[in-house]
């Protein structure tokens, strides 16, 4: 949804909310996928190496 052409903040907010309500619900995250704080931490990153 593009709200770039709307200048009024309240109107833009209203349009976004209605679009969010109409949108299909997002699928649940898969069981094996860690997110943010659940990810495995690294002690010290070597220079020029991938973290995980």
Protein backbone atom coordinates (compact mmCIF):
# COMPACT_ATOMS: atom_id res chain seq x y z
CA UNK A 1 0.00 0.00 0.00
CA UNK A 2 1.47 3.32 -1.08
CA UNK A 3 0.66 6.29 1.18
CA UNK A 4 3.27 8.62 -0.32
CA UNK A 5 0.68 10.89 -1.93
CA UNK A 6 -1.27 11.36 1.34
CA UNK A 7 -0.13 14.44 3.25
CA UNK A 8 -2.47 14.26 6.25
CA UNK A 9 -0.98 12.08 9.00
CA UNK A 10 -4.35 10.96 10.42
CA UNK A 11 -5.63 9.97 6.99
CA UNK A 12 -2.45 8.04 6.21
CA UNK A 13 -2.75 6.20 9.53
CA UNK A 14 -6.39 5.30 8.83
CA UNK A 15 -5.53 3.94 5.36
CA UNK A 16 -2.66 1.87 6.74
CA UNK A 17 -4.78 0.38 9.52
CA UNK A 18 -7.56 -0.65 7.16
CA UNK A 19 -5.01 -2.22 4.80
CA UNK A 20 -3.44 -4.10 7.70
CA UNK A 21 -6.84 -5.47 8.72
CA UNK A 22 -7.62 -6.59 5.16
CA UNK A 23 -4.22 -8.29 4.67
CA UNK A 24 -4.03 -12.06 4.98
CA UNK A 25 -2.62 -13.24 8.33
CA UNK A 26 1.09 -14.05 8.30
CA UNK A 27 2.15 -17.67 8.68
CA UNK A 28 3.65 -18.76 11.99
CA UNK A 29 7.44 -19.02 12.13
CA UNK A 30 8.76 -22.56 11.57
CA UNK A 31 9.65 -24.50 14.72
CA UNK A 32 13.36 -24.82 13.91
CA UNK A 33 13.98 -21.15 13.11
CA UNK A 34 15.65 -19.19 15.91
CA UNK A 35 15.05 -15.47 16.11
CA UNK A 36 17.09 -12.68 17.67
CA UNK A 37 17.81 -13.52 21.31
CA UNK A 38 17.35 -17.24 20.65
CA UNK A 39 20.21 -17.39 18.12
CA UNK A 40 23.50 -19.03 19.01
CA UNK A 41 25.97 -16.41 20.22
CA UNK A 42 29.60 -16.14 19.14
CA UNK A 43 32.46 -15.53 21.58
CA UNK A 44 34.76 -13.41 19.41
CA UNK A 45 34.50 -12.87 15.70
CA UNK A 46 37.66 -13.44 13.66
CA UNK A 47 38.50 -10.66 11.20
CA UNK A 48 37.06 -11.31 7.74
CA UNK A 49 35.11 -14.43 8.71
CA UNK A 50 31.42 -15.17 8.64
CA UNK A 51 29.76 -15.05 12.04
CA UNK A 52 27.66 -18.19 11.75
